[in-house]
Amino acid sequence: MTQPSQKQENGLLNILINVVLPVMILNQGSKHLGPLITLLLALSFPLIYGIWDALRRKKINVFSLLGFINVSITGGLALIGLGGIWFCIKEAAFPFLIACFIFGSAFTKKPFIESFLLNPNLINTDLVEQKLMERNANTEFHLHLRSSTIYLSLSFFLSSLINYFLARTVFIPLDPALNSTNRAIILNEQIAKMTGQSFLVIMLPSMLVLMGILWYLIHGIKKHTGLKTEEILRT
């Protein structure tokens, strides 16, 4: 389990800097700054935050790395003027890669769900670990963490599929007769539309799935430790 002395990530700040701000900059910045400066500015947020967080916590921030890759691909496609099927593939590939990473971690000594949800800011990890040792239930609990991680990965695989079909309705092919400026404006509008729709269609349901997985995780903790919910969660 994560040790209480280890500094934890701020989840909201993580999402804001690695996802929300870069996407907003890419969507709006090119109108005022030009495409190249906009791309570099958007990339700077996950890059700087990732370096700062790595120095602070002595480990690589996976979400910063993935956010940097995501913004790089989005900005790169926009810079060279590609649209249509390329953005559809990109929108599906990003959650697919996350799903693969999470799924693979399920078969390691530390499944992703352990570092993501089972941390001392949320869970009374000392008490949970003590009860697991008393009941000799560490092996069974590790299997529970594995299944929780697999369920989380399945939600990202589903998001990948939904993202692809949603992108097919948003990123329609650009008219080759348009000049580069108009093509860039339309492409930015498509990116903005995709961002808004994906939040409603994918992000909100994903939050509900995450809440369900958290309930499943706590249910397993209660089963293997005999603790009550109020004893497990930090208040």
C-alpha atoms as a PDB file:
ATOM      1  CA  MET A   1       0.000   0.000   0.000  1.00  0.00           C
ATOM      2  CA  THR A   2       0.974   3.654  -0.369  1.00  0.00           C
ATOM      3  CA  GLN A   3       2.816   4.882   2.695  1.00  0.00           C
ATOM      4  CA  PRO A   4       1.309   7.867   4.526  1.00  0.00           C
ATOM      5  CA  SER A   5       4.621   9.747   4.347  1.00  0.00           C
ATOM      6  CA  GLN A   6       4.565   9.766   0.547  1.00  0.00           C
ATOM      7  CA  LYS A   7       3.254  12.964  -0.996  1.00  0.00           C
ATOM      8  CA  GLN A   8       0.051  12.367  -2.948  1.00  0.00           C
ATOM      9  CA  GLU A   9      -1.116  13.906  -6.192  1.00  0.00           C
ATOM     10  CA  ASN A  10      -3.897  16.478  -6.206  1.00  0.00           C
ATOM     11  CA  GLY A  11      -6.423  14.791  -8.499  1.00  0.00           C
ATOM     12  CA  LEU A  12      -8.330  17.941  -9.517  1.00  0.00           C
ATOM     13  CA  LEU A  13      -5.126  19.907 -10.123  1.00  0.00           C
ATOM     14  CA  ASN A  14      -3.782  16.953 -12.105  1.00  0.00           C
ATOM     15  CA  ILE A  15      -6.779  16.877 -14.442  1.00  0.00           C
ATOM     16  CA  LEU A  16      -6.892  20.671 -14.743  1.00  0.00           C
ATOM     17  CA  ILE A  17      -3.248  21.078 -15.761  1.00  0.00           C
ATOM     18  CA  ASN A  18      -2.758  17.878 -17.770  1.00  0.00           C
ATOM     19  CA  VAL A  19      -6.075  17.806 -19.630  1.00  0.00           C
ATOM     20  CA  VAL A  20      -8.397  20.806 -19.295  1.00  0.00           C
ATOM     21  CA  LEU A  21      -5.959  23.718 -19.767  1.00  0.00           C
ATOM     22  CA  PRO A  22      -4.047  22.187 -22.727  1.00  0.00           C
ATOM     23  CA  VAL A  23      -7.289  21.373 -24.538  1.00  0.00           C
ATOM     24  CA  MET A  24      -8.709  24.868 -23.908  1.00  0.00           C
ATOM     25  CA  ILE A  25      -5.503  26.450 -25.191  1.00  0.00           C
ATOM     26  CA  LEU A  26      -5.508  24.297 -28.319  1.00  0.00           C
ATOM     27  CA  ASN A  27      -9.150  25.109 -28.952  1.00  0.00           C
ATOM     28  CA  GLN A  28      -8.906  28.879 -28.527  1.00  0.00           C
ATOM     29  CA  GLY A  29      -5.254  29.897 -28.664  1.00  0.00           C
ATOM     30  CA  SER A  30      -4.661  29.663 -32.398  1.00  0.00           C
ATOM     31  CA  LYS A  31      -7.106  32.505 -32.992  1.00  0.00           C
ATOM     32  CA  HIS A  32      -4.816  34.876 -31.090  1.00  0.00           C
ATOM     33  CA  LEU A  33      -1.345  33.296 -30.945  1.00  0.00           C
ATOM     34  CA  GLY A  34      -0.999  31.198 -34.084  1.00  0.00           C
ATOM     35  CA  PRO A  35      -0.876  27.386 -34.285  1.00  0.00           C
ATOM     36  CA  LEU A  36       2.791  26.817 -33.389  1.00  0.00           C
ATOM     37  CA  ILE A  37       2.877  29.039 -30.270  1.00  0.00           C
ATOM     38  CA  THR A  38      -0.478  27.597 -29.207  1.00  0.00           C
ATOM     39  CA  LEU A  39       0.866  24.047 -29.451  1.00  0.00           C
ATOM     40  CA  LEU A  40       4.037  24.880 -27.502  1.00  0.00           C
ATOM     41  CA  LEU A  41       2.029  26.673 -24.789  1.00  0.00           C
ATOM     42  CA  ALA A  42      -0.413  23.772 -24.467  1.00  0.00           C
ATOM     43  CA  LEU A  43       2.456  21.268 -24.232  1.00  0.00           C
ATOM     44  CA  SER A  44       4.195  23.315 -21.549  1.00  0.00           C
ATOM     45  CA  PHE A  45       1.503  22.687 -18.931  1.00  0.00           C
ATOM     46  CA  PRO A  46       1.713  18.865 -18.665  1.00  0.00           C
ATOM     47  CA  LEU A  47       5.475  19.005 -19.254  1.00  0.00           C
ATOM     48  CA  ILE A  48       6.245  21.539 -16.480  1.00  0.00           C
ATOM     49  CA  TYR A  49       3.747  19.976 -14.089  1.00  0.00           C
ATOM     50  CA  GLY A  50       5.176  16.515 -14.766  1.00  0.00           C
ATOM     51  CA  ILE A  51       8.745  17.698 -14.039  1.00  0.00           C
ATOM     52  CA  TRP A  52       7.646  19.549 -10.887  1.00  0.00           C
ATOM     53  CA  ASP A  53       5.626  16.568  -9.635  1.00  0.00           C
ATOM     54  CA  ALA A  54       8.479  14.152 -10.387  1.00  0.00           C
ATOM     55  CA  LEU A  55      10.909  16.296  -8.373  1.00  0.00           C
ATOM     56  CA  ARG A  56       8.404  16.658  -5.541  1.00  0.00           C
ATOM     57  CA  ARG A  57       7.315  13.009  -5.276  1.00  0.00           C
ATOM     58  CA  LYS A  58      10.416  11.357  -6.742  1.00  0.00           C
ATOM     59  CA  LYS A  59       8.355   9.480  -9.363  1.00  0.00           C
ATOM     60  CA  ILE A  60       7.074  10.042 -12.883  1.00  0.00           C
ATOM     61  CA  ASN A  61       3.523  11.381 -13.136  1.00  0.00           C
ATOM     62  CA  VAL A  62       1.883   8.975 -15.588  1.00  0.00           C
ATOM     63  CA  PHE A  63      -1.009  11.338 -16.274  1.00  0.00           C
ATOM     64  CA  SER A  64       1.385  14.161 -17.137  1.00  0.00           C
ATOM     65  CA  LEU A  65       3.191  11.862 -19.558  1.00  0.00           C
ATOM     66  CA  LEU A  66      -0.069  10.715 -21.150  1.00  0.00           C
ATOM     67  CA  GLY A  67      -1.394  14.293 -21.224  1.00  0.00           C
ATOM     68  CA  PHE A  68       1.768  15.466 -22.970  1.00  0.00           C
ATOM     69  CA  ILE A  69       1.445  12.695 -25.571  1.00  0.00           C
ATOM     70  CA  ASN A  70      -2.245  13.429 -26.088  1.00  0.00           C
ATOM     71  CA  VAL A  71      -1.723  17.166 -26.595  1.00  0.00           C
ATOM     72  CA  SER A  72       1.312  16.507 -28.819  1.00  0.00           C
ATOM     73  CA  ILE A  73      -0.693  14.307 -31.159  1.00  0.00           C
ATOM     74  CA  THR A  74      -3.703  16.648 -31.196  1.00  0.00           C
ATOM     75  CA  GLY A  75      -1.547  19.700 -31.834  1.00  0.00           C
ATOM     76  CA  GLY A  76       0.619  17.882 -34.355  1.00  0.00           C
ATOM     77  CA  LEU A  77      -2.375  16.762 -36.390  1.00  0.00           C
ATOM     78  CA  ALA A  78      -3.784  20.285 -36.254  1.00  0.00           C
ATOM     79  CA  LEU A  79      -0.480  21.849 -37.337  1.00  0.00           C
ATOM     80  CA  ILE A  80      -0.171  19.709 -40.435  1.00  0.00           C
ATOM     81  CA  GLY A  81      -3.854  20.180 -41.223  1.00  0.00           C
ATOM     82  CA  LEU A  82      -5.004  16.584 -40.956  1.00  0.00           C
ATOM     83  CA  GLY A  83      -8.532  15.804 -39.835  1.00  0.00           C
ATOM     84  CA  GLY A  84     -11.255  13.256 -40.310  1.00  0.00           C
ATOM     85  CA  ILE A  85     -10.209   9.645 -39.713  1.00  0.00           C
ATOM     86  CA  TRP A  86      -6.854  10.620 -38.169  1.00  0.00           C
ATOM     87  CA  PHE A  87      -8.533  12.391 -35.266  1.00  0.00           C
ATOM     88  CA  CYS A  88     -10.979   9.496 -34.923  1.00  0.00           C
ATOM     89  CA  ILE A  89      -8.062   7.094 -34.552  1.00  0.00           C
ATOM     90  CA  LYS A  90      -6.323   9.419 -32.113  1.00  0.00           C
ATOM     91  CA  GLU A  91      -9.443   9.874 -29.957  1.00  0.00           C
ATOM     92  CA  ALA A  92      -9.848   6.093 -29.733  1.00  0.00           C
ATOM     93  CA  ALA A  93      -6.145   5.325 -29.287  1.00  0.00           C
ATOM     94  CA  PHE A  94      -5.588   7.501 -26.212  1.00  0.00           C
ATOM     95  CA  PRO A  95      -8.115   5.800 -23.854  1.00  0.00           C
ATOM     96  CA  PHE A  96      -7.137   2.453 -25.422  1.00  0.00           C
ATOM     97  CA  LEU A  97      -3.500   2.956 -24.400  1.00  0.00           C
ATOM     98  CA  ILE A  98      -4.582   3.958 -20.887  1.00  0.00           C
ATOM     99  CA  ALA A  99      -6.764   0.839 -20.723  1.00  0.00           C
ATOM    100  CA  CYS A 100      -3.820  -1.340 -21.767  1.00  0.00           C
ATOM    101  CA  PHE A 101      -1.571   0.254 -19.141  1.00  0.00           C
ATOM    102  CA  ILE A 102      -4.164  -0.232 -16.371  1.00  0.00           C
ATOM    103  CA  PHE A 103      -4.973  -3.790 -17.473  1.00  0.00           C
ATOM    104  CA  GLY A 104      -1.292  -4.739 -17.542  1.00  0.00           C
ATOM    105  CA  SER A 105      -0.754  -3.330 -14.038  1.00  0.00           C
ATOM    106  CA  ALA A 106      -3.402  -5.723 -12.710  1.00  0.00           C
ATOM    107  CA  PHE A 107      -0.888  -8.561 -13.062  1.00  0.00           C
ATOM    108  CA  THR A 108       1.953  -6.804 -11.238  1.00  0.00           C
ATOM    109  CA  LYS A 109       2.733  -6.591  -7.536  1.00  0.00           C
ATOM    110  CA  LYS A 110       1.034  -3.194  -7.383  1.00  0.00           C
ATOM    111  CA  PRO A 111      -2.168  -2.952  -9.452  1.00  0.00           C
ATOM    112  CA  PHE A 112      -3.031   0.551 -10.634  1.00  0.00           C
ATOM    113  CA  ILE A 113      -6.114   0.768  -8.419  1.00  0.00           C
ATOM    114  CA  GLU A 114      -3.869   0.524  -5.352  1.00  0.00           C
ATOM    115  CA  SER A 115      -1.933   3.709  -6.087  1.00  0.00           C
ATOM    116  CA  PHE A 116      -4.954   5.476  -7.603  1.00  0.00           C
ATOM    117  CA  LEU A 117      -7.608   4.923  -4.926  1.00  0.00           C
ATOM    118  CA  LEU A 118      -5.988   3.054  -2.052  1.00  0.00           C
ATOM    119  CA  ASN A 119      -3.998   5.937  -0.602  1.00  0.00           C
ATOM    120  CA  PRO A 120      -3.810   7.413   2.903  1.00  0.00           C
ATOM    121  CA  ASN A 121      -5.623  10.590   1.860  1.00  0.00           C
ATOM    122  CA  LEU A 122      -8.762   8.536   1.270  1.00  0.00           C
ATOM    123  CA  ILE A 123      -8.305   5.215   3.075  1.00  0.00           C
ATOM    124  CA  ASN A 124      -7.053   4.425   6.580  1.00  0.00           C
ATOM    125  CA  THR A 125      -4.318   2.263   5.083  1.00  0.00           C
ATOM    126  CA  ASP A 126      -2.522   1.524   8.372  1.00  0.00           C
ATOM    127  CA  LEU A 127      -5.641   0.030   9.927  1.00  0.00           C
ATOM    128  CA  VAL A 128      -6.565  -1.858   6.754  1.00  0.00           C
ATOM    129  CA  GLU A 129      -3.085  -3.355   6.483  1.00  0.00           C
ATOM    130  CA  GLN A 130      -3.133  -4.327  10.159  1.00  0.00           C
ATOM    131  CA  LYS A 131      -6.456  -6.146   9.818  1.00  0.00           C
ATOM    132  CA  LEU A 132      -5.334  -7.913   6.642  1.00  0.00           C
ATOM    133  CA  MET A 133      -2.263  -9.239   8.453  1.00  0.00           C
ATOM    134  CA  GLU A 134      -4.313 -10.324  11.456  1.00  0.00           C
ATOM    135  CA  ARG A 135      -6.675 -12.260   9.193  1.00  0.00           C
ATOM    136  CA  ASN A 136      -3.912 -13.505   6.892  1.00  0.00           C
ATOM    137  CA  ALA A 137      -5.965 -12.138   3.985  1.00  0.00           C
ATOM    138  CA  ASN A 138      -3.286 -10.299   1.998  1.00  0.00           C
ATOM    139  CA  THR A 139      -3.384 -12.756  -0.917  1.00  0.00           C
ATOM    140  CA  GLU A 140      -7.174 -12.629  -1.222  1.00  0.00           C
ATOM    141  CA  PHE A 141      -7.138  -8.843  -0.987  1.00  0.00           C
ATOM    142  CA  HIS A 142      -4.498  -8.577  -3.711  1.00  0.00           C
ATOM    143  CA  LEU A 143      -6.801 -10.603  -5.972  1.00  0.00           C
ATOM    144  CA  HIS A 144      -9.568  -8.144  -5.146  1.00  0.00           C
ATOM    145  CA  LEU A 145      -7.301  -5.249  -6.143  1.00  0.00           C
ATOM    146  CA  ARG A 146      -6.538  -7.083  -9.380  1.00  0.00           C
ATOM    147  CA  SER A 147     -10.209  -7.521 -10.257  1.00  0.00           C
ATOM    148  CA  SER A 148     -10.934  -3.870  -9.351  1.00  0.00           C
ATOM    149  CA  THR A 149      -8.113  -2.779 -11.674  1.00  0.00           C
ATOM    150  CA  ILE A 150      -9.411  -4.974 -14.496  1.00  0.00           C
ATOM    151  CA  TYR A 151     -12.896  -3.458 -14.144  1.00  0.00           C
ATOM    152  CA  LEU A 152     -11.350   0.014 -14.336  1.00  0.00           C
ATOM    153  CA  SER A 153      -9.444  -0.935 -17.498  1.00  0.00           C
ATOM    154  CA  LEU A 154     -12.660  -2.236 -19.084  1.00  0.00           C
ATOM    155  CA  SER A 155     -14.256   1.190 -18.574  1.00  0.00           C
ATOM    156  CA  PHE A 156     -11.410   2.748 -20.589  1.00  0.00           C
ATOM    157  CA  PHE A 157     -11.740   0.133 -23.321  1.00  0.00           C
ATOM    158  CA  LEU A 158     -15.423   1.082 -23.551  1.00  0.00           C
ATOM    159  CA  SER A 159     -14.490   4.781 -23.625  1.00  0.00           C
ATOM    160  CA  SER A 160     -12.133   4.055 -26.519  1.00  0.00           C
ATOM    161  CA  LEU A 161     -14.943   2.505 -28.525  1.00  0.00           C
ATOM    162  CA  ILE A 162     -17.393   5.304 -27.723  1.00  0.00           C
ATOM    163  CA  ASN A 163     -14.738   7.916 -28.489  1.00  0.00           C
ATOM    164  CA  TYR A 164     -14.168   6.493 -31.951  1.00  0.00           C
ATOM    165  CA  PHE A 165     -17.821   6.532 -32.989  1.00  0.00           C
ATOM    166  CA  LEU A 166     -18.357   9.966 -31.426  1.00  0.00           C
ATOM    167  CA  ALA A 167     -15.325  11.321 -33.294  1.00  0.00           C
ATOM    168  CA  ARG A 168     -16.689   9.935 -36.566  1.00  0.00           C
ATOM    169  CA  THR A 169     -19.702  12.245 -36.174  1.00  0.00           C
ATOM    170  CA  VAL A 170     -17.573  15.287 -35.257  1.00  0.00           C
ATOM    171  CA  PHE A 171     -14.420  15.146 -37.406  1.00  0.00           C
ATOM    172  CA  ILE A 172     -15.940  15.213 -40.847  1.00  0.00           C
ATOM    173  CA  PRO A 173     -13.459  15.476 -43.760  1.00  0.00           C
ATOM    174  CA  LEU A 174     -12.327  19.018 -44.522  1.00  0.00           C
ATOM    175  CA  ASP A 175     -12.988  20.497 -47.940  1.00  0.00           C
ATOM    176  CA  PRO A 176      -9.637  20.457 -49.806  1.00  0.00           C
ATOM    177  CA  ALA A 177     -10.713  23.612 -51.649  1.00  0.00           C
ATOM    178  CA  LEU A 178     -10.512  25.648 -48.413  1.00  0.00           C
ATOM    179  CA  ASN A 179      -7.379  27.641 -47.719  1.00  0.00           C
ATOM    180  CA  SER A 180      -5.163  26.703 -44.774  1.00  0.00           C
ATOM    181  CA  THR A 181      -6.576  29.428 -42.497  1.00  0.00           C
ATOM    182  CA  ASN A 182     -10.180  28.353 -42.937  1.00  0.00           C
ATOM    183  CA  ARG A 183      -9.228  24.686 -42.587  1.00  0.00           C
ATOM    184  CA  ALA A 184      -7.486  25.483 -39.281  1.00  0.00           C
ATOM    185  CA  ILE A 185     -10.519  27.421 -38.006  1.00  0.00           C
ATOM    186  CA  ILE A 186     -12.917  24.580 -38.854  1.00  0.00           C
ATOM    187  CA  LEU A 187     -10.580  21.990 -37.357  1.00  0.00           C
ATOM    188  CA  ASN A 188     -10.338  23.996 -34.114  1.00  0.00           C
ATOM    189  CA  GLU A 189     -14.132  24.154 -34.012  1.00  0.00           C
ATOM    190  CA  GLN A 190     -14.273  20.388 -34.435  1.00  0.00           C
ATOM    191  CA  ILE A 191     -11.756  19.906 -31.613  1.00  0.00           C
ATOM    192  CA  ALA A 192     -13.816  22.177 -29.345  1.00  0.00           C
ATOM    193  CA  LYS A 193     -17.018  20.324 -30.218  1.00  0.00           C
ATOM    194  CA  MET A 194     -15.387  16.957 -29.593  1.00  0.00           C
ATOM    195  CA  THR A 195     -14.066  18.159 -26.235  1.00  0.00           C
ATOM    196  CA  GLY A 196     -17.495  19.351 -25.086  1.00  0.00           C
ATOM    197  CA  GLN A 197     -19.371  16.300 -26.288  1.00  0.00           C
ATOM    198  CA  SER A 198     -16.827  13.817 -24.968  1.00  0.00           C
ATOM    199  CA  PHE A 199     -17.135  15.381 -21.509  1.00  0.00           C
ATOM    200  CA  LEU A 200     -20.889  14.821 -21.475  1.00  0.00           C
ATOM    201  CA  VAL A 201     -20.935  11.468 -23.243  1.00  0.00           C
ATOM    202  CA  ILE A 202     -17.772   9.932 -21.762  1.00  0.00           C
ATOM    203  CA  MET A 203     -16.398  11.857 -18.775  1.00  0.00           C
ATOM    204  CA  LEU A 204     -19.579  11.997 -16.692  1.00  0.00           C
ATOM    205  CA  PRO A 205     -20.442   8.284 -17.181  1.00  0.00           C
ATOM    206  CA  SER A 206     -16.799   7.459 -16.436  1.00  0.00           C
ATOM    207  CA  MET A 207     -17.094   9.281 -13.111  1.00  0.00           C
ATOM    208  CA  LEU A 208     -20.120   7.158 -12.271  1.00  0.00           C
ATOM    209  CA  VAL A 209     -18.166   4.025 -13.187  1.00  0.00           C
ATOM    210  CA  LEU A 210     -15.288   5.191 -10.997  1.00  0.00           C
ATOM    211  CA  MET A 211     -17.679   5.680  -8.090  1.00  0.00           C
ATOM    212  CA  GLY A 212     -18.960   2.147  -8.664  1.00  0.00           C
ATOM    213  CA  ILE A 213     -15.415   0.767  -8.656  1.00  0.00           C
ATOM    214  CA  LEU A 214     -14.679   2.685  -5.434  1.00  0.00           C
ATOM    215  CA  TRP A 215     -17.765   1.095  -3.859  1.00  0.00           C
ATOM    216  CA  TYR A 216     -16.576  -2.330  -5.064  1.00  0.00           C
ATOM    217  CA  LEU A 217     -13.108  -1.671  -3.625  1.00  0.00           C
ATOM    218  CA  ILE A 218     -14.486  -0.627  -0.223  1.00  0.00           C
ATOM    219  CA  HIS A 219     -16.852  -3.603  -0.243  1.00  0.00           C
ATOM    220  CA  GLY A 220     -13.824  -5.866  -0.679  1.00  0.00           C
ATOM    221  CA  ILE A 221     -11.931  -4.089   2.104  1.00  0.00           C
ATOM    222  CA  LYS A 222     -14.887  -4.602   4.447  1.00  0.00           C
ATOM    223  CA  LYS A 223     -15.103  -8.261   3.469  1.00  0.00           C
ATOM    224  CA  HIS A 224     -11.419  -9.043   4.007  1.00  0.00           C
ATOM    225  CA  THR A 225     -10.804  -6.880   7.081  1.00  0.00           C
ATOM    226  CA  GLY A 226     -14.127  -6.905   8.929  1.00  0.00           C
ATOM    227  CA  LEU A 227     -13.961  -3.113   9.216  1.00  0.00           C
ATOM    228  CA  LYS A 228     -16.910  -0.771   8.847  1.00  0.00           C
ATOM    229  CA  THR A 229     -17.052   1.912   6.166  1.00  0.00           C
ATOM    230  CA  GLU A 230     -16.501   4.729   8.646  1.00  0.00           C
ATOM    231  CA  GLU A 231     -13.388   2.929   9.911  1.00  0.00           C
ATOM    232  CA  ILE A 232     -12.007   2.522   6.396  1.00  0.00           C
ATOM    233  CA  LEU A 233     -12.543   6.024   5.025  1.00  0.00           C
ATOM    234  CA  ARG A 234     -10.696   9.026   6.395  1.00  0.00           C
ATOM    235  CA  THR A 235     -13.058  11.785   7.419  1.00  0.00           C
END
